[in-house]
Amino acid sequence: MHNPDYLGFAAGILTTLAFLPQAVRMLKTKRTRDISLLWAIAMNAGTMLWLTYGIIKNDLPMITANSISLVLLMVILISRLRYR
């Protein structure tokens, strides 16, 4: 593996996909009581900062993974606020 971007994309795919089942389940069941609002806010803020950092560094794996993660985390946060 000569190009470290492969490692970045692999890590990004795994960590991003980890949010997908939770987001889908919340949209289907509309049950959010087990999701901490503070966690959802912190994860959105942190991911937004990582995305900004990736943009500044022009790091495509970081930009890609954090863009998708941010969308999924926004779904989780909005669902948590909407389906209290």
PDB file of N, CA and C in Angstrom:
ATOM      1  N   MET A   1       0.858  -1.172   0.000  1.00  0.00           N
ATOM      2  CA  MET A   1       0.000   0.000   0.000  1.00  0.00           C
ATOM      3  C   MET A   1       0.900   1.230   0.000  1.00  0.00           C
ATOM      4  N   HIS A   2       1.187   1.731  -1.153  1.00  0.00           N
ATOM      5  CA  HIS A   2       2.100   2.859  -1.287  1.00  0.00           C
ATOM      6  C   HIS A   2       1.412   4.204  -1.121  1.00  0.00           C
ATOM      7  N   ASN A   3       0.132   4.246  -1.391  1.00  0.00           N
ATOM      8  CA  ASN A   3      -0.602   5.500  -1.298  1.00  0.00           C
ATOM      9  C   ASN A   3      -1.375   5.516   0.024  1.00  0.00           C
ATOM     10  N   PRO A   4      -1.043   6.418   0.955  1.00  0.00           N
ATOM     11  CA  PRO A   4      -1.742   6.441   2.242  1.00  0.00           C
ATOM     12  C   PRO A   4      -3.216   6.822   2.125  1.00  0.00           C
ATOM     13  N   ASP A   5      -3.619   7.374   0.983  1.00  0.00           N
ATOM     14  CA  ASP A   5      -5.039   7.697   0.801  1.00  0.00           C
ATOM     15  C   ASP A   5      -5.906   6.449   0.879  1.00  0.00           C
ATOM     16  N   TYR A   6      -5.374   5.293   0.472  1.00  0.00           N
ATOM     17  CA  TYR A   6      -6.152   4.053   0.569  1.00  0.00           C
ATOM     18  C   TYR A   6      -6.510   3.757   2.020  1.00  0.00           C
ATOM     19  N   LEU A   7      -5.573   3.970   2.895  1.00  0.00           N
ATOM     20  CA  LEU A   7      -5.808   3.771   4.315  1.00  0.00           C
ATOM     21  C   LEU A   7      -6.861   4.756   4.816  1.00  0.00           C
ATOM     22  N   GLY A   8      -6.747   5.994   4.384  1.00  0.00           N
ATOM     23  CA  GLY A   8      -7.729   7.013   4.770  1.00  0.00           C
ATOM     24  C   GLY A   8      -9.119   6.695   4.274  1.00  0.00           C
ATOM     25  N   PHE A   9      -9.235   6.245   3.038  1.00  0.00           N
ATOM     26  CA  PHE A   9     -10.551   5.876   2.503  1.00  0.00           C
ATOM     27  C   PHE A   9     -11.117   4.668   3.240  1.00  0.00           C
ATOM     28  N   ALA A  10     -10.282   3.671   3.545  1.00  0.00           N
ATOM     29  CA  ALA A  10     -10.748   2.484   4.269  1.00  0.00           C
ATOM     30  C   ALA A  10     -11.275   2.872   5.658  1.00  0.00           C
ATOM     31  N   ALA A  11     -10.519   3.695   6.360  1.00  0.00           N
ATOM     32  CA  ALA A  11     -10.948   4.152   7.683  1.00  0.00           C
ATOM     33  C   ALA A  11     -12.238   4.969   7.580  1.00  0.00           C
ATOM     34  N   GLY A  12     -12.300   5.828   6.596  1.00  0.00           N
ATOM     35  CA  GLY A  12     -13.489   6.661   6.400  1.00  0.00           C
ATOM     36  C   GLY A  12     -14.726   5.851   6.094  1.00  0.00           C
ATOM     37  N   ILE A  13     -14.576   4.838   5.255  1.00  0.00           N
ATOM     38  CA  ILE A  13     -15.715   3.980   4.911  1.00  0.00           C
ATOM     39  C   ILE A  13     -16.236   3.268   6.152  1.00  0.00           C
ATOM     40  N   LEU A  14     -15.335   2.687   6.930  1.00  0.00           N
ATOM     41  CA  LEU A  14     -15.761   1.945   8.115  1.00  0.00           C
ATOM     42  C   LEU A  14     -16.426   2.837   9.160  1.00  0.00           C
ATOM     43  N   THR A  15     -15.814   3.976   9.458  1.00  0.00           N
ATOM     44  CA  THR A  15     -16.387   4.837  10.489  1.00  0.00           C
ATOM     45  C   THR A  15     -17.673   5.511  10.022  1.00  0.00           C
ATOM     46  N   THR A  16     -17.754   5.824   8.752  1.00  0.00           N
ATOM     47  CA  THR A  16     -18.970   6.440   8.218  1.00  0.00           C
ATOM     48  C   THR A  16     -20.117   5.450   8.194  1.00  0.00           C
ATOM     49  N   LEU A  17     -19.850   4.244   7.739  1.00  0.00           N
ATOM     50  CA  LEU A  17     -20.903   3.229   7.670  1.00  0.00           C
ATOM     51  C   LEU A  17     -21.424   2.851   9.053  1.00  0.00           C
ATOM     52  N   ALA A  18     -20.644   3.094  10.080  1.00  0.00           N
ATOM     53  CA  ALA A  18     -21.085   2.777  11.438  1.00  0.00           C
ATOM     54  C   ALA A  18     -22.317   3.589  11.834  1.00  0.00           C
ATOM     55  N   PHE A  19     -22.489   4.768  11.273  1.00  0.00           N
ATOM     56  CA  PHE A  19     -23.644   5.609  11.606  1.00  0.00           C
ATOM     57  C   PHE A  19     -24.897   5.233  10.804  1.00  0.00           C
ATOM     58  N   LEU A  20     -24.716   4.570   9.693  1.00  0.00           N
ATOM     59  CA  LEU A  20     -25.842   4.281   8.794  1.00  0.00           C
ATOM     60  C   LEU A  20     -26.943   3.453   9.450  1.00  0.00           C
ATOM     61  N   PRO A  21     -26.654   2.328  10.105  1.00  0.00           N
ATOM     62  CA  PRO A  21     -27.748   1.547  10.702  1.00  0.00           C
ATOM     63  C   PRO A  21     -28.542   2.339  11.735  1.00  0.00           C
ATOM     64  N   GLN A  22     -27.849   3.154  12.530  1.00  0.00           N
ATOM     65  CA  GLN A  22     -28.547   3.947  13.542  1.00  0.00           C
ATOM     66  C   GLN A  22     -29.466   4.979  12.894  1.00  0.00           C
ATOM     67  N   ALA A  23     -28.978   5.665  11.875  1.00  0.00           N
ATOM     68  CA  ALA A  23     -29.796   6.679  11.198  1.00  0.00           C
ATOM     69  C   ALA A  23     -31.014   6.037  10.538  1.00  0.00           C
ATOM     70  N   VAL A  24     -30.818   4.926   9.872  1.00  0.00           N
ATOM     71  CA  VAL A  24     -31.933   4.242   9.207  1.00  0.00           C
ATOM     72  C   VAL A  24     -32.946   3.761  10.239  1.00  0.00           C
ATOM     73  N   ARG A  25     -32.458   3.166  11.314  1.00  0.00           N
ATOM     74  CA  ARG A  25     -33.371   2.661  12.353  1.00  0.00           C
ATOM     75  C   ARG A  25     -34.195   3.790  12.974  1.00  0.00           C
ATOM     76  N   MET A  26     -33.553   4.923  13.226  1.00  0.00           N
ATOM     77  CA  MET A  26     -34.279   6.041  13.820  1.00  0.00           C
ATOM     78  C   MET A  26     -35.353   6.573  12.879  1.00  0.00           C
ATOM     79  N   LEU A  27     -35.050   6.608  11.589  1.00  0.00           N
ATOM     80  CA  LEU A  27     -36.049   7.080  10.625  1.00  0.00           C
ATOM     81  C   LEU A  27     -37.220   6.105  10.526  1.00  0.00           C
ATOM     82  N   LYS A  28     -36.941   4.820  10.635  1.00  0.00           N
ATOM     83  CA  LYS A  28     -38.006   3.809  10.546  1.00  0.00           C
ATOM     84  C   LYS A  28     -38.868   3.769  11.799  1.00  0.00           C
ATOM     85  N   THR A  29     -38.229   3.730  12.974  1.00  0.00           N
ATOM     86  CA  THR A  29     -38.976   3.533  14.217  1.00  0.00           C
ATOM     87  C   THR A  29     -39.418   4.838  14.875  1.00  0.00           C
ATOM     88  N   LYS A  30     -38.737   5.926  14.549  1.00  0.00           N
ATOM     89  CA  LYS A  30     -38.995   7.232  15.169  1.00  0.00           C
ATOM     90  C   LYS A  30     -38.770   7.181  16.688  1.00  0.00           C
ATOM     91  N   ARG A  31     -37.945   6.228  17.134  1.00  0.00           N
ATOM     92  CA  ARG A  31     -37.599   6.106  18.553  1.00  0.00           C
ATOM     93  C   ARG A  31     -36.179   6.618  18.743  1.00  0.00           C
ATOM     94  N   THR A  32     -36.041   7.610  19.607  1.00  0.00           N
ATOM     95  CA  THR A  32     -34.729   8.243  19.789  1.00  0.00           C
ATOM     96  C   THR A  32     -34.337   8.395  21.247  1.00  0.00           C
ATOM     97  N   ARG A  33     -35.108   7.841  22.145  1.00  0.00           N
ATOM     98  CA  ARG A  33     -34.874   8.102  23.570  1.00  0.00           C
ATOM     99  C   ARG A  33     -33.516   7.604  24.064  1.00  0.00           C
ATOM    100  N   ASP A  34     -32.936   6.616  23.410  1.00  0.00           N
ATOM    101  CA  ASP A  34     -31.649   6.091  23.848  1.00  0.00           C
ATOM    102  C   ASP A  34     -30.450   6.849  23.273  1.00  0.00           C
ATOM    103  N   ILE A  35     -30.709   7.844  22.446  1.00  0.00           N
ATOM    104  CA  ILE A  35     -29.639   8.650  21.866  1.00  0.00           C
ATOM    105  C   ILE A  35     -29.453   9.902  22.722  1.00  0.00           C
ATOM    106  N   SER A  36     -28.253  10.100  23.197  1.00  0.00           N
ATOM    107  CA  SER A  36     -27.944  11.281  23.992  1.00  0.00           C
ATOM    108  C   SER A  36     -27.910  12.518  23.088  1.00  0.00           C
ATOM    109  N   LEU A  37     -28.663  13.531  23.471  1.00  0.00           N
ATOM    110  CA  LEU A  37     -28.671  14.780  22.713  1.00  0.00           C
ATOM    111  C   LEU A  37     -27.291  15.428  22.745  1.00  0.00           C
ATOM    112  N   LEU A  38     -26.631  15.388  23.891  1.00  0.00           N
ATOM    113  CA  LEU A  38     -25.288  15.961  24.002  1.00  0.00           C
ATOM    114  C   LEU A  38     -24.314  15.231  23.072  1.00  0.00           C
ATOM    115  N   TRP A  39     -24.412  13.895  23.003  1.00  0.00           N
ATOM    116  CA  TRP A  39     -23.557  13.118  22.092  1.00  0.00           C
ATOM    117  C   TRP A  39     -23.806  13.549  20.652  1.00  0.00           C
ATOM    118  N   ALA A  40     -25.066  13.662  20.262  1.00  0.00           N
ATOM    119  CA  ALA A  40     -25.408  14.015  18.885  1.00  0.00           C
ATOM    120  C   ALA A  40     -24.874  15.401  18.524  1.00  0.00           C
ATOM    121  N   ILE A  41     -24.995  16.342  19.427  1.00  0.00           N
ATOM    122  CA  ILE A  41     -24.493  17.693  19.177  1.00  0.00           C
ATOM    123  C   ILE A  41     -22.971  17.677  19.080  1.00  0.00           C
ATOM    124  N   ALA A  42     -22.315  16.995  20.026  1.00  0.00           N
ATOM    125  CA  ALA A  42     -20.850  16.944  20.033  1.00  0.00           C
ATOM    126  C   ALA A  42     -20.312  16.250  18.781  1.00  0.00           C
ATOM    127  N   MET A  43     -20.944  15.171  18.356  1.00  0.00           N
ATOM    128  CA  MET A  43     -20.491  14.452  17.166  1.00  0.00           C
ATOM    129  C   MET A  43     -20.656  15.306  15.913  1.00  0.00           C
ATOM    130  N   ASN A  44     -21.763  16.036  15.814  1.00  0.00           N
ATOM    131  CA  ASN A  44     -21.960  16.926  14.672  1.00  0.00           C
ATOM    132  C   ASN A  44     -20.908  18.028  14.658  1.00  0.00           C
ATOM    133  N   ALA A  45     -20.668  18.641  15.803  1.00  0.00           N
ATOM    134  CA  ALA A  45     -19.677  19.720  15.882  1.00  0.00           C
ATOM    135  C   ALA A  45     -18.274  19.194  15.571  1.00  0.00           C
ATOM    136  N   GLY A  46     -17.912  18.064  16.153  1.00  0.00           N
ATOM    137  CA  GLY A  46     -16.598  17.494  15.912  1.00  0.00           C
ATOM    138  C   GLY A  46     -16.397  17.086  14.462  1.00  0.00           C
ATOM    139  N   THR A  47     -17.412  16.487  13.872  1.00  0.00           N
ATOM    140  CA  THR A  47     -17.316  16.077  12.475  1.00  0.00           C
ATOM    141  C   THR A  47     -17.232  17.281  11.558  1.00  0.00           C
ATOM    142  N   MET A  48     -17.952  18.346  11.899  1.00  0.00           N
ATOM    143  CA  MET A  48     -17.868  19.568  11.110  1.00  0.00           C
ATOM    144  C   MET A  48     -16.448  20.153  11.166  1.00  0.00           C
ATOM    145  N   LEU A  49     -15.840  20.086  12.340  1.00  0.00           N
ATOM    146  CA  LEU A  49     -14.462  20.569  12.475  1.00  0.00           C
ATOM    147  C   LEU A  49     -13.489  19.693  11.686  1.00  0.00           C
ATOM    148  N   TRP A  50     -13.664  18.363  11.744  1.00  0.00           N
ATOM    149  CA  TRP A  50     -12.814  17.472  10.949  1.00  0.00           C
ATOM    150  C   TRP A  50     -12.976  17.727   9.465  1.00  0.00           C
ATOM    151  N   LEU A  51     -14.208  17.987   9.038  1.00  0.00           N
ATOM    152  CA  LEU A  51     -14.463  18.298   7.633  1.00  0.00           C
ATOM    153  C   LEU A  51     -13.748  19.594   7.244  1.00  0.00           C
ATOM    154  N   THR A  52     -13.858  20.602   8.078  1.00  0.00           N
ATOM    155  CA  THR A  52     -13.180  21.874   7.816  1.00  0.00           C
ATOM    156  C   THR A  52     -11.668  21.669   7.737  1.00  0.00           C
ATOM    157  N   TYR A  53     -11.127  20.892   8.652  1.00  0.00           N
ATOM    158  CA  TYR A  53      -9.703  20.586   8.650  1.00  0.00           C
ATOM    159  C   TYR A  53      -9.312  19.859   7.364  1.00  0.00           C
ATOM    160  N   GLY A  54     -10.118  18.904   6.945  1.00  0.00           N
ATOM    161  CA  GLY A  54      -9.856  18.176   5.702  1.00  0.00           C
ATOM    162  C   GLY A  54      -9.869  19.088   4.489  1.00  0.00           C
ATOM    163  N   ILE A  55     -10.791  20.043   4.486  1.00  0.00           N
ATOM    164  CA  ILE A  55     -10.865  21.001   3.380  1.00  0.00           C
ATOM    165  C   ILE A  55      -9.608  21.875   3.361  1.00  0.00           C
ATOM    166  N   ILE A  56      -9.209  22.351   4.535  1.00  0.00           N
ATOM    167  CA  ILE A  56      -8.000  23.182   4.620  1.00  0.00           C
ATOM    168  C   ILE A  56      -6.781  22.409   4.141  1.00  0.00           C
ATOM    169  N   LYS A  57      -6.689  21.129   4.521  1.00  0.00           N
ATOM    170  CA  LYS A  57      -5.545  20.293   4.146  1.00  0.00           C
ATOM    171  C   LYS A  57      -5.684  19.710   2.736  1.00  0.00           C
ATOM    172  N   ASN A  58      -6.852  19.921   2.125  1.00  0.00           N
ATOM    173  CA  ASN A  58      -7.136  19.362   0.806  1.00  0.00           C
ATOM    174  C   ASN A  58      -6.952  17.838   0.804  1.00  0.00           C
ATOM    175  N   ASP A  59      -7.506  17.195   1.837  1.00  0.00           N
ATOM    176  CA  ASP A  59      -7.380  15.755   2.049  1.00  0.00           C
ATOM    177  C   ASP A  59      -8.684  15.082   1.623  1.00  0.00           C
ATOM    178  N   LEU A  60      -8.682  14.509   0.422  1.00  0.00           N
ATOM    179  CA  LEU A  60      -9.906  13.943  -0.154  1.00  0.00           C
ATOM    180  C   LEU A  60     -10.536  12.847   0.702  1.00  0.00           C
ATOM    181  N   PRO A  61      -9.777  11.884   1.245  1.00  0.00           N
ATOM    182  CA  PRO A  61     -10.428  10.877   2.096  1.00  0.00           C
ATOM    183  C   PRO A  61     -11.113  11.498   3.319  1.00  0.00           C
ATOM    184  N   MET A  62     -10.473  12.487   3.929  1.00  0.00           N
ATOM    185  CA  MET A  62     -11.052  13.134   5.098  1.00  0.00           C
ATOM    186  C   MET A  62     -12.299  13.937   4.727  1.00  0.00           C
ATOM    187  N   ILE A  63     -12.242  14.623   3.605  1.00  0.00           N
ATOM    188  CA  ILE A  63     -13.390  15.410   3.146  1.00  0.00           C
ATOM    189  C   ILE A  63     -14.561  14.490   2.829  1.00  0.00           C
ATOM    190  N   THR A  64     -14.291  13.424   2.105  1.00  0.00           N
ATOM    191  CA  THR A  64     -15.355  12.500   1.698  1.00  0.00           C
ATOM    192  C   THR A  64     -16.013  11.844   2.908  1.00  0.00           C
ATOM    193  N   ALA A  65     -15.197  11.253   3.769  1.00  0.00           N
ATOM    194  CA  ALA A  65     -15.738  10.536   4.928  1.00  0.00           C
ATOM    195  C   ALA A  65     -16.516  11.465   5.847  1.00  0.00           C
ATOM    196  N   ASN A  66     -15.968  12.629   6.126  1.00  0.00           N
ATOM    197  CA  ASN A  66     -16.630  13.531   7.064  1.00  0.00           C
ATOM    198  C   ASN A  66     -17.849  14.214   6.468  1.00  0.00           C
ATOM    199  N   SER A  67     -17.890  14.394   5.166  1.00  0.00           N
ATOM    200  CA  SER A  67     -19.094  14.932   4.525  1.00  0.00           C
ATOM    201  C   SER A  67     -20.254  13.961   4.677  1.00  0.00           C
ATOM    202  N   ILE A  68     -19.992  12.697   4.386  1.00  0.00           N
ATOM    203  CA  ILE A  68     -21.047  11.682   4.495  1.00  0.00           C
ATOM    204  C   ILE A  68     -21.428  11.466   5.955  1.00  0.00           C
ATOM    205  N   SER A  69     -20.430  11.406   6.830  1.00  0.00           N
ATOM    206  CA  SER A  69     -20.711  11.245   8.264  1.00  0.00           C
ATOM    207  C   SER A  69     -21.561  12.391   8.786  1.00  0.00           C
ATOM    208  N   LEU A  70     -21.253  13.594   8.351  1.00  0.00           N
ATOM    209  CA  LEU A  70     -22.014  14.760   8.816  1.00  0.00           C
ATOM    210  C   LEU A  70     -23.472  14.670   8.395  1.00  0.00           C
ATOM    211  N   VAL A  71     -23.729  14.224   7.194  1.00  0.00           N
ATOM    212  CA  VAL A  71     -25.121  14.052   6.744  1.00  0.00           C
ATOM    213  C   VAL A  71     -25.839  13.047   7.638  1.00  0.00           C
ATOM    214  N   LEU A  72     -25.200  11.895   7.884  1.00  0.00           N
ATOM    215  CA  LEU A  72     -25.829  10.871   8.721  1.00  0.00           C
ATOM    216  C   LEU A  72     -26.010  11.362  10.155  1.00  0.00           C
ATOM    217  N   LEU A  73     -25.024  12.062  10.674  1.00  0.00           N
ATOM    218  CA  LEU A  73     -25.140  12.587  12.033  1.00  0.00           C
ATOM    219  C   LEU A  73     -26.201  13.684  12.135  1.00  0.00           C
ATOM    220  N   MET A  74     -26.366  14.458  11.084  1.00  0.00           N
ATOM    221  CA  MET A  74     -27.436  15.462  11.074  1.00  0.00           C
ATOM    222  C   MET A  74     -28.803  14.785  11.097  1.00  0.00           C
ATOM    223  N   VAL A  75     -28.933  13.689  10.354  1.00  0.00           N
ATOM    224  CA  VAL A  75     -30.182  12.914  10.380  1.00  0.00           C
ATOM    225  C   VAL A  75     -30.456  12.439  11.806  1.00  0.00           C
ATOM    226  N   ILE A  76     -29.424  11.926  12.465  1.00  0.00           N
ATOM    227  CA  ILE A  76     -29.587  11.456  13.849  1.00  0.00           C
ATOM    228  C   ILE A  76     -29.961  12.609  14.774  1.00  0.00           C
ATOM    229  N   LEU A  77     -29.275  13.733  14.665  1.00  0.00           N
ATOM    230  CA  LEU A  77     -29.562  14.886  15.526  1.00  0.00           C
ATOM    231  C   LEU A  77     -30.965  15.431  15.275  1.00  0.00           C
ATOM    232  N   ILE A  78     -31.316  15.614  14.034  1.00  0.00           N
ATOM    233  CA  ILE A  78     -32.651  16.145  13.714  1.00  0.00           C
ATOM    234  C   ILE A  78     -33.731  15.177  14.173  1.00  0.00           C
ATOM    235  N   SER A  79     -33.495  13.880  13.978  1.00  0.00           N
ATOM    236  CA  SER A  79     -34.463  12.880  14.447  1.00  0.00           C
ATOM    237  C   SER A  79     -34.597  12.940  15.964  1.00  0.00           C
ATOM    238  N   ARG A  80     -33.461  13.069  16.636  1.00  0.00           N
ATOM    239  CA  ARG A  80     -33.481  13.146  18.115  1.00  0.00           C
ATOM    240  C   ARG A  80     -34.276  14.350  18.590  1.00  0.00           C
ATOM    241  N   LEU A  81     -34.139  15.465  17.922  1.00  0.00           N
ATOM    242  CA  LEU A  81     -34.886  16.665  18.299  1.00  0.00           C
ATOM    243  C   LEU A  81     -36.351  16.556  17.907  1.00  0.00           C
ATOM    244  N   ARG A  82     -36.620  15.935  16.787  1.00  0.00           N
ATOM    245  CA  ARG A  82     -37.989  15.860  16.272  1.00  0.00           C
ATOM    246  C   ARG A  82     -38.844  14.811  16.981  1.00  0.00           C
ATOM    247  N   TYR A  83     -38.268  13.663  17.294  1.00  0.00           N
ATOM    248  CA  TYR A  83     -39.031  12.551  17.848  1.00  0.00           C
ATOM    249  C   TYR A  83     -38.771  12.363  19.337  1.00  0.00           C
ATOM    250  N   ARG A  84     -38.696  13.434  20.063  1.00  0.00           N
ATOM    251  CA  ARG A  84     -38.448  13.346  21.514  1.00  0.00           C
ATOM    252  C   ARG A  84     -39.420  12.411  22.091  1.00  0.00           C
TER     253      ARG A  84
END
